[in-house]
């Protein structure tokens, strides 16, 4: 499956570029090549689902006592994969000229592992079909974006913007995303998202409105919707231009 190939390439790229991080040019080349190939594979995977007009569910063994990890790519996920993959290829291509030779000032050796992790986290998040897998991707996406937004760590505004982003996104997760998932899991007794449809009936108006508001707070903070957009004017100007574009693509 194309998505597993993409995740495998990105994971390998993160590890190998980290091992080669002392040699900046080599580590950077490995990381950016993996990011570009992973993005291209994501585009192919998304397009194959859209072209076949079918849902691709895949279940794999989960290495923790939390049941099975299930991936499901439908038409909506496929569109997200097309966007994420296209922007990832563009960001990886632009990054080489921006960072080669360490001219950009920053922890260049960490850039390859971080961009591979961020792209893999975005792919994982839009492909996850159970809550645990989604939250793993969600958190990896937040942490990798935090380090990439603050890449120019010698700049006070970059560090400030990165911390504002991290605090805002975790507040949104704690106050919105987690309560919504907790409510659905408590009602259905399952971590599988395909069991959530119809969990709350139309007669439960108060509960449905409360969950909707919590969802807007949680996901809206991550996306930068008003009035939860306070991190946007601080984080985006501080981040490298191509990272700002990559962060926007997951919104």
C-alpha atoms as a PDB file:
ATOM      1  CA  UNK A   1       0.000   0.000   0.000  1.00  0.00           C
ATOM      2  CA  UNK A   2       1.345   3.420  -0.976  1.00  0.00           C
ATOM      3  CA  UNK A   3       0.737   5.023   2.415  1.00  0.00           C
ATOM      4  CA  UNK A   4       2.716   2.346   4.246  1.00  0.00           C
ATOM      5  CA  UNK A   5       5.534   2.830   1.754  1.00  0.00           C
ATOM      6  CA  UNK A   6       5.418   6.578   2.409  1.00  0.00           C
ATOM      7  CA  UNK A   7       5.495   6.091   6.185  1.00  0.00           C
ATOM      8  CA  UNK A   8       8.327   3.571   5.862  1.00  0.00           C
ATOM      9  CA  UNK A   9      10.422   5.897   3.694  1.00  0.00           C
ATOM     10  CA  UNK A  10       9.822   8.823   6.036  1.00  0.00           C
ATOM     11  CA  UNK A  11      10.682   6.772   9.146  1.00  0.00           C
ATOM     12  CA  UNK A  12      13.849   5.463   7.516  1.00  0.00           C
ATOM     13  CA  UNK A  13      14.757   8.974   6.370  1.00  0.00           C
ATOM     14  CA  UNK A  14      14.304  10.357   9.897  1.00  0.00           C
ATOM     15  CA  UNK A  15      16.531   7.684  11.433  1.00  0.00           C
ATOM     16  CA  UNK A  16      19.245   7.767   8.762  1.00  0.00           C
ATOM     17  CA  UNK A  17      19.412  11.551   8.620  1.00  0.00           C
ATOM     18  CA  UNK A  18      19.692  11.623  12.412  1.00  0.00           C
ATOM     19  CA  UNK A  19      22.574   9.138  12.305  1.00  0.00           C
ATOM     20  CA  UNK A  20      24.291  11.278   9.658  1.00  0.00           C
ATOM     21  CA  UNK A  21      23.470  14.577  11.362  1.00  0.00           C
ATOM     22  CA  UNK A  22      27.098  15.366  12.192  1.00  0.00           C
ATOM     23  CA  UNK A  23      27.769  15.611   8.466  1.00  0.00           C
ATOM     24  CA  UNK A  24      25.226  18.299   7.719  1.00  0.00           C
ATOM     25  CA  UNK A  25      25.143  18.007   3.937  1.00  0.00           C
ATOM     26  CA  UNK A  26      24.780  14.207   3.970  1.00  0.00           C
ATOM     27  CA  UNK A  27      22.166  14.138   6.723  1.00  0.00           C
ATOM     28  CA  UNK A  28      20.223  16.943   5.080  1.00  0.00           C
ATOM     29  CA  UNK A  29      20.295  15.241   1.684  1.00  0.00           C
ATOM     30  CA  UNK A  30      19.006  11.971   3.159  1.00  0.00           C
ATOM     31  CA  UNK A  31      16.228  13.686   5.101  1.00  0.00           C
ATOM     32  CA  UNK A  32      15.056  15.859   2.226  1.00  0.00           C
ATOM     33  CA  UNK A  33      15.178  12.971  -0.262  1.00  0.00           C
ATOM     34  CA  UNK A  34      13.040  10.886   2.087  1.00  0.00           C
ATOM     35  CA  UNK A  35      10.654  13.811   2.614  1.00  0.00           C
ATOM     36  CA  UNK A  36      10.268  14.317  -1.130  1.00  0.00           C
ATOM     37  CA  UNK A  37       9.790  10.608  -1.878  1.00  0.00           C
ATOM     38  CA  UNK A  38       7.383  10.227   1.049  1.00  0.00           C
ATOM     39  CA  UNK A  39       5.383  13.185  -0.230  1.00  0.00           C
ATOM     40  CA  UNK A  40       5.278  11.738  -3.740  1.00  0.00           C
ATOM     41  CA  UNK A  41       4.119   8.349  -2.438  1.00  0.00           C
ATOM     42  CA  UNK A  42       1.388  10.109  -0.441  1.00  0.00           C
ATOM     43  CA  UNK A  43       0.181  11.838  -3.599  1.00  0.00           C
ATOM     44  CA  UNK A  44       0.102   8.497  -5.445  1.00  0.00           C
ATOM     45  CA  UNK A  45      -1.741   6.860  -2.546  1.00  0.00           C
ATOM     46  CA  UNK A  46      -4.336   9.622  -2.384  1.00  0.00           C
ATOM     47  CA  UNK A  47      -4.839   9.640  -6.132  1.00  0.00           C
ATOM     48  CA  UNK A  48      -5.243   5.850  -6.283  1.00  0.00           C
ATOM     49  CA  UNK A  49      -8.101   6.024  -3.760  1.00  0.00           C
ATOM     50  CA  UNK A  50      -9.801   8.895  -5.592  1.00  0.00           C
ATOM     51  CA  UNK A  51      -9.380   7.132  -8.932  1.00  0.00           C
ATOM     52  CA  UNK A  52     -10.853   3.856  -7.645  1.00  0.00           C
ATOM     53  CA  UNK A  53     -13.574   5.669  -5.614  1.00  0.00           C
ATOM     54  CA  UNK A  54     -13.207   3.125  -2.815  1.00  0.00           C
ATOM     55  CA  UNK A  55     -12.213   3.129   0.851  1.00  0.00           C
ATOM     56  CA  UNK A  56      -8.973   1.349   1.723  1.00  0.00           C
ATOM     57  CA  UNK A  57      -9.117  -0.039   5.298  1.00  0.00           C
ATOM     58  CA  UNK A  58      -6.000  -1.732   6.673  1.00  0.00           C
ATOM     59  CA  UNK A  59      -5.515  -3.250  10.130  1.00  0.00           C
ATOM     60  CA  UNK A  60      -2.073  -3.936  11.587  1.00  0.00           C
ATOM     61  CA  UNK A  61      -0.918  -5.333  14.920  1.00  0.00           C
ATOM     62  CA  UNK A  62      -0.339  -2.605  17.492  1.00  0.00           C
ATOM     63  CA  UNK A  63       2.870  -3.059  19.535  1.00  0.00           C
ATOM     64  CA  UNK A  64       1.143  -1.863  22.744  1.00  0.00           C
ATOM     65  CA  UNK A  65      -1.753  -3.428  24.674  1.00  0.00           C
ATOM     66  CA  UNK A  66      -4.249  -1.083  23.045  1.00  0.00           C
ATOM     67  CA  UNK A  67      -5.746  -3.347  20.408  1.00  0.00           C
ATOM     68  CA  UNK A  68      -5.198  -3.140  16.668  1.00  0.00           C
ATOM     69  CA  UNK A  69      -4.073  -0.072  14.753  1.00  0.00           C
ATOM     70  CA  UNK A  70      -6.453   0.591  11.886  1.00  0.00           C
ATOM     71  CA  UNK A  71      -5.889   2.824   8.880  1.00  0.00           C
ATOM     72  CA  UNK A  72      -8.692   3.896   6.581  1.00  0.00           C
ATOM     73  CA  UNK A  73      -8.344   6.126   3.535  1.00  0.00           C
ATOM     74  CA  UNK A  74     -11.575   7.427   2.057  1.00  0.00           C
ATOM     75  CA  UNK A  75     -12.201  10.252  -0.387  1.00  0.00           C
ATOM     76  CA  UNK A  76     -11.691  12.987   2.233  1.00  0.00           C
ATOM     77  CA  UNK A  77      -8.442  11.464   3.508  1.00  0.00           C
ATOM     78  CA  UNK A  78      -7.254  11.075  -0.067  1.00  0.00           C
ATOM     79  CA  UNK A  79      -7.694  14.801  -0.779  1.00  0.00           C
ATOM     80  CA  UNK A  80      -5.720  15.643   2.350  1.00  0.00           C
ATOM     81  CA  UNK A  81      -2.986  13.232   1.258  1.00  0.00           C
ATOM     82  CA  UNK A  82      -2.801  14.939  -2.137  1.00  0.00           C
ATOM     83  CA  UNK A  83      -2.356  18.339  -0.474  1.00  0.00           C
ATOM     84  CA  UNK A  84       0.117  17.122   2.154  1.00  0.00           C
ATOM     85  CA  UNK A  85       2.159  15.204  -0.398  1.00  0.00           C
ATOM     86  CA  UNK A  86       2.313  18.045  -2.922  1.00  0.00           C
ATOM     87  CA  UNK A  87       3.353  20.634  -0.334  1.00  0.00           C
ATOM     88  CA  UNK A  88       5.872  18.194   1.155  1.00  0.00           C
ATOM     89  CA  UNK A  89       7.607  17.705  -2.197  1.00  0.00           C
ATOM     90  CA  UNK A  90       7.726  21.471  -2.705  1.00  0.00           C
ATOM     91  CA  UNK A  91       9.026  22.100   0.836  1.00  0.00           C
ATOM     92  CA  UNK A  92      11.717  19.417   0.524  1.00  0.00           C
ATOM     93  CA  UNK A  93      12.876  20.833  -2.807  1.00  0.00           C
ATOM     94  CA  UNK A  94      13.027  24.391  -1.496  1.00  0.00           C
ATOM     95  CA  UNK A  95      14.732  23.350   1.746  1.00  0.00           C
ATOM     96  CA  UNK A  96      17.925  22.182   0.039  1.00  0.00           C
ATOM     97  CA  UNK A  97      18.784  25.595  -1.341  1.00  0.00           C
ATOM     98  CA  UNK A  98      17.665  27.264   1.872  1.00  0.00           C
ATOM     99  CA  UNK A  99      19.739  25.119   4.212  1.00  0.00           C
ATOM    100  CA  UNK A 100      22.756  23.756   2.341  1.00  0.00           C
ATOM    101  CA  UNK A 101      26.038  24.799   3.836  1.00  0.00           C
ATOM    102  CA  UNK A 102      24.320  25.825   7.073  1.00  0.00           C
ATOM    103  CA  UNK A 103      23.717  29.307   5.700  1.00  0.00           C
ATOM    104  CA  UNK A 104      20.313  29.500   7.381  1.00  0.00           C
ATOM    105  CA  UNK A 105      21.759  29.430  10.928  1.00  0.00           C
ATOM    106  CA  UNK A 106      20.106  26.820  13.088  1.00  0.00           C
ATOM    107  CA  UNK A 107      20.404  23.142  14.020  1.00  0.00           C
ATOM    108  CA  UNK A 108      20.752  21.980  10.408  1.00  0.00           C
ATOM    109  CA  UNK A 109      21.558  18.432  11.505  1.00  0.00           C
ATOM    110  CA  UNK A 110      18.140  18.132  13.146  1.00  0.00           C
ATOM    111  CA  UNK A 111      16.203  19.441  10.154  1.00  0.00           C
ATOM    112  CA  UNK A 112      16.028  16.165   8.180  1.00  0.00           C
ATOM    113  CA  UNK A 113      14.654  14.067  11.059  1.00  0.00           C
ATOM    114  CA  UNK A 114      12.176  16.788  11.992  1.00  0.00           C
ATOM    115  CA  UNK A 115      10.696  17.375   8.541  1.00  0.00           C
ATOM    116  CA  UNK A 116      10.394  13.617   7.929  1.00  0.00           C
ATOM    117  CA  UNK A 117       8.668  13.216  11.302  1.00  0.00           C
ATOM    118  CA  UNK A 118       6.276  16.067  10.622  1.00  0.00           C
ATOM    119  CA  UNK A 119       5.238  14.772   7.195  1.00  0.00           C
ATOM    120  CA  UNK A 120       4.843  11.224   8.539  1.00  0.00           C
ATOM    121  CA  UNK A 121       2.730  12.559  11.424  1.00  0.00           C
ATOM    122  CA  UNK A 122       0.433  14.419   9.018  1.00  0.00           C
ATOM    123  CA  UNK A 123       0.007  11.311   6.854  1.00  0.00           C
ATOM    124  CA  UNK A 124      -0.646   9.200   9.953  1.00  0.00           C
ATOM    125  CA  UNK A 125      -3.219  11.631  11.331  1.00  0.00           C
ATOM    126  CA  UNK A 126      -5.366  11.791   8.191  1.00  0.00           C
ATOM    127  CA  UNK A 127      -5.119   8.016   7.677  1.00  0.00           C
ATOM    128  CA  UNK A 128      -5.875   6.914  11.253  1.00  0.00           C
ATOM    129  CA  UNK A 129      -9.118   5.060  11.853  1.00  0.00           C
ATOM    130  CA  UNK A 130      -8.872   4.710  15.622  1.00  0.00           C
ATOM    131  CA  UNK A 131      -8.421   7.248  18.391  1.00  0.00           C
ATOM    132  CA  UNK A 132      -5.038   6.103  19.716  1.00  0.00           C
ATOM    133  CA  UNK A 133      -3.407   6.128  16.287  1.00  0.00           C
ATOM    134  CA  UNK A 134      -4.894   9.544  15.543  1.00  0.00           C
ATOM    135  CA  UNK A 135      -3.591  11.012  18.811  1.00  0.00           C
ATOM    136  CA  UNK A 136      -0.105   9.581  18.206  1.00  0.00           C
ATOM    137  CA  UNK A 137       0.014  11.351  14.832  1.00  0.00           C
ATOM    138  CA  UNK A 138      -1.589  14.495  16.306  1.00  0.00           C
ATOM    139  CA  UNK A 139       1.034  14.792  19.046  1.00  0.00           C
ATOM    140  CA  UNK A 140       3.989  14.026  16.764  1.00  0.00           C
ATOM    141  CA  UNK A 141       2.695  16.693  14.403  1.00  0.00           C
ATOM    142  CA  UNK A 142       2.568  19.258  17.213  1.00  0.00           C
ATOM    143  CA  UNK A 143       6.028  18.483  18.600  1.00  0.00           C
ATOM    144  CA  UNK A 144       7.820  18.385  15.251  1.00  0.00           C
ATOM    145  CA  UNK A 145       6.109  21.636  14.194  1.00  0.00           C
ATOM    146  CA  UNK A 146       7.216  23.227  17.485  1.00  0.00           C
ATOM    147  CA  UNK A 147      10.889  22.510  16.767  1.00  0.00           C
ATOM    148  CA  UNK A 148      10.615  23.533  13.112  1.00  0.00           C
ATOM    149  CA  UNK A 149       8.814  26.804  13.879  1.00  0.00           C
ATOM    150  CA  UNK A 150      11.599  27.595  16.348  1.00  0.00           C
ATOM    151  CA  UNK A 151      14.320  26.431  13.951  1.00  0.00           C
ATOM    152  CA  UNK A 152      16.087  29.800  14.091  1.00  0.00           C
ATOM    153  CA  UNK A 153      16.555  29.327  17.809  1.00  0.00           C
ATOM    154  CA  UNK A 154      19.048  32.175  18.091  1.00  0.00           C
ATOM    155  CA  UNK A 155      16.134  34.537  17.393  1.00  0.00           C
ATOM    156  CA  UNK A 156      14.044  35.393  20.451  1.00  0.00           C
ATOM    157  CA  UNK A 157      10.892  35.895  18.366  1.00  0.00           C
ATOM    158  CA  UNK A 158      11.278  32.419  16.836  1.00  0.00           C
ATOM    159  CA  UNK A 159      11.543  30.797  20.255  1.00  0.00           C
ATOM    160  CA  UNK A 160       8.600  32.840  21.520  1.00  0.00           C
ATOM    161  CA  UNK A 161       6.461  31.965  18.488  1.00  0.00           C
ATOM    162  CA  UNK A 162       7.253  28.263  18.842  1.00  0.00           C
ATOM    163  CA  UNK A 163       6.283  28.205  22.513  1.00  0.00           C
ATOM    164  CA  UNK A 164       3.071  30.143  21.892  1.00  0.00           C
ATOM    165  CA  UNK A 165       2.179  27.597  19.204  1.00  0.00           C
ATOM    166  CA  UNK A 166       2.946  24.616  21.447  1.00  0.00           C
ATOM    167  CA  UNK A 167       0.956  25.978  24.393  1.00  0.00           C
ATOM    168  CA  UNK A 168      -2.036  26.930  22.225  1.00  0.00           C
ATOM    169  CA  UNK A 169      -2.200  23.603  20.414  1.00  0.00           C
ATOM    170  CA  UNK A 170      -1.953  21.601  23.644  1.00  0.00           C
ATOM    171  CA  UNK A 171      -4.606  23.708  25.330  1.00  0.00           C
ATOM    172  CA  UNK A 172      -6.873  23.071  22.350  1.00  0.00           C
ATOM    173  CA  UNK A 173      -6.180  19.344  22.550  1.00  0.00           C
ATOM    174  CA  UNK A 174      -6.759  19.157  26.306  1.00  0.00           C
ATOM    175  CA  UNK A 175      -9.900  21.321  26.348  1.00  0.00           C
ATOM    176  CA  UNK A 176     -11.483  20.222  23.075  1.00  0.00           C
ATOM    177  CA  UNK A 177     -10.104  17.206  21.233  1.00  0.00           C
ATOM    178  CA  UNK A 178      -9.656  14.840  24.185  1.00  0.00           C
ATOM    179  CA  UNK A 179     -13.097  15.507  25.734  1.00  0.00           C
ATOM    180  CA  UNK A 180     -14.794  14.897  22.369  1.00  0.00           C
ATOM    181  CA  UNK A 181     -13.013  11.586  21.846  1.00  0.00           C
ATOM    182  CA  UNK A 182     -13.592  10.609  25.482  1.00  0.00           C
ATOM    183  CA  UNK A 183     -17.339  11.164  25.064  1.00  0.00           C
ATOM    184  CA  UNK A 184     -17.534   9.005  21.936  1.00  0.00           C
ATOM    185  CA  UNK A 185     -15.365   6.243  23.408  1.00  0.00           C
ATOM    186  CA  UNK A 186     -17.442   6.224  26.609  1.00  0.00           C
ATOM    187  CA  UNK A 187     -20.685   6.002  24.617  1.00  0.00           C
ATOM    188  CA  UNK A 188     -19.555   3.337  22.116  1.00  0.00           C
ATOM    189  CA  UNK A 189     -17.023   1.424  24.217  1.00  0.00           C
ATOM    190  CA  UNK A 190     -14.692   1.382  21.214  1.00  0.00           C
ATOM    191  CA  UNK A 191     -11.618   3.254  20.001  1.00  0.00           C
ATOM    192  CA  UNK A 192     -12.647   2.704  16.365  1.00  0.00           C
ATOM    193  CA  UNK A 193     -13.870   5.888  14.665  1.00  0.00           C
ATOM    194  CA  UNK A 194     -16.232   3.997  12.356  1.00  0.00           C
ATOM    195  CA  UNK A 195     -18.361   3.177  15.420  1.00  0.00           C
ATOM    196  CA  UNK A 196     -18.868   6.854  16.304  1.00  0.00           C
ATOM    197  CA  UNK A 197     -21.533   7.556  13.664  1.00  0.00           C
ATOM    198  CA  UNK A 198     -24.920   7.740  15.350  1.00  0.00           C
ATOM    199  CA  UNK A 199     -23.441   7.445  18.851  1.00  0.00           C
ATOM    200  CA  UNK A 200     -25.488  10.478  19.915  1.00  0.00           C
ATOM    201  CA  UNK A 201     -29.038  10.821  18.659  1.00  0.00           C
ATOM    202  CA  UNK A 202     -30.699  13.965  17.340  1.00  0.00           C
ATOM    203  CA  UNK A 203     -32.795  14.114  20.504  1.00  0.00           C
ATOM    204  CA  UNK A 204     -29.654  14.690  22.606  1.00  0.00           C
ATOM    205  CA  UNK A 205     -29.449  18.307  21.511  1.00  0.00           C
ATOM    206  CA  UNK A 206     -27.508  19.663  24.474  1.00  0.00           C
ATOM    207  CA  UNK A 207     -24.854  16.960  24.261  1.00  0.00           C
ATOM    208  CA  UNK A 208     -24.482  17.348  20.483  1.00  0.00           C
ATOM    209  CA  UNK A 209     -24.112  21.134  20.754  1.00  0.00           C
ATOM    210  CA  UNK A 210     -21.568  20.771  23.575  1.00  0.00           C
ATOM    211  CA  UNK A 211     -19.508  18.272  21.559  1.00  0.00           C
ATOM    212  CA  UNK A 212     -19.666  20.529  18.511  1.00  0.00           C
ATOM    213  CA  UNK A 213     -18.409  23.501  20.530  1.00  0.00           C
ATOM    214  CA  UNK A 214     -15.622  21.414  22.062  1.00  0.00           C
ATOM    215  CA  UNK A 215     -14.643  20.204  18.596  1.00  0.00           C
ATOM    216  CA  UNK A 216     -14.507  23.762  17.281  1.00  0.00           C
ATOM    217  CA  UNK A 217     -12.320  24.782  20.238  1.00  0.00           C
ATOM    218  CA  UNK A 218      -9.975  21.805  19.917  1.00  0.00           C
ATOM    219  CA  UNK A 219      -9.570  21.526  16.172  1.00  0.00           C
ATOM    220  CA  UNK A 220     -10.112  25.245  15.599  1.00  0.00           C
ATOM    221  CA  UNK A 221      -7.180  26.121  17.837  1.00  0.00           C
ATOM    222  CA  UNK A 222      -4.929  23.827  15.824  1.00  0.00           C
ATOM    223  CA  UNK A 223      -6.210  25.278  12.566  1.00  0.00           C
ATOM    224  CA  UNK A 224      -6.026  28.872  13.780  1.00  0.00           C
ATOM    225  CA  UNK A 225      -9.732  29.721  13.480  1.00  0.00           C
ATOM    226  CA  UNK A 226     -10.904  32.973  15.069  1.00  0.00           C
ATOM    227  CA  UNK A 227     -10.920  33.594  17.980  1.00  0.00           C
ATOM    228  CA  UNK A 228      -8.347  30.819  18.603  1.00  0.00           C
ATOM    229  CA  UNK A 229      -5.791  32.206  16.158  1.00  0.00           C
ATOM    230  CA  UNK A 230      -3.532  34.040  18.625  1.00  0.00           C
ATOM    231  CA  UNK A 231      -0.547  31.804  17.815  1.00  0.00           C
ATOM    232  CA  UNK A 232      -0.729  32.436  14.053  1.00  0.00           C
ATOM    233  CA  UNK A 233       0.784  35.954  13.844  1.00  0.00           C
ATOM    234  CA  UNK A 234       3.586  34.868  16.178  1.00  0.00           C
ATOM    235  CA  UNK A 235       4.470  31.430  14.827  1.00  0.00           C
ATOM    236  CA  UNK A 236       4.171  31.809  11.047  1.00  0.00           C
ATOM    237  CA  UNK A 237       6.451  34.850  10.642  1.00  0.00           C
ATOM    238  CA  UNK A 238       9.062  33.190  12.878  1.00  0.00           C
ATOM    239  CA  UNK A 239       9.137  29.895  10.980  1.00  0.00           C
ATOM    240  CA  UNK A 240      11.161  29.345   7.789  1.00  0.00           C
ATOM    241  CA  UNK A 241       8.922  30.125   4.801  1.00  0.00           C
ATOM    242  CA  UNK A 242       8.675  26.528   3.564  1.00  0.00           C
ATOM    243  CA  UNK A 243       7.853  25.274   7.075  1.00  0.00           C
ATOM    244  CA  UNK A 244       5.117  27.896   7.347  1.00  0.00           C
ATOM    245  CA  UNK A 245       3.645  26.488   4.122  1.00  0.00           C
ATOM    246  CA  UNK A 246       3.906  22.930   5.420  1.00  0.00           C
ATOM    247  CA  UNK A 247       2.166  23.880   8.665  1.00  0.00           C
ATOM    248  CA  UNK A 248      -0.618  25.553   6.665  1.00  0.00           C
ATOM    249  CA  UNK A 249      -1.143  22.422   4.533  1.00  0.00           C
ATOM    250  CA  UNK A 250      -2.242  20.360   7.540  1.00  0.00           C
ATOM    251  CA  UNK A 251      -4.978  22.870   8.382  1.00  0.00           C
END
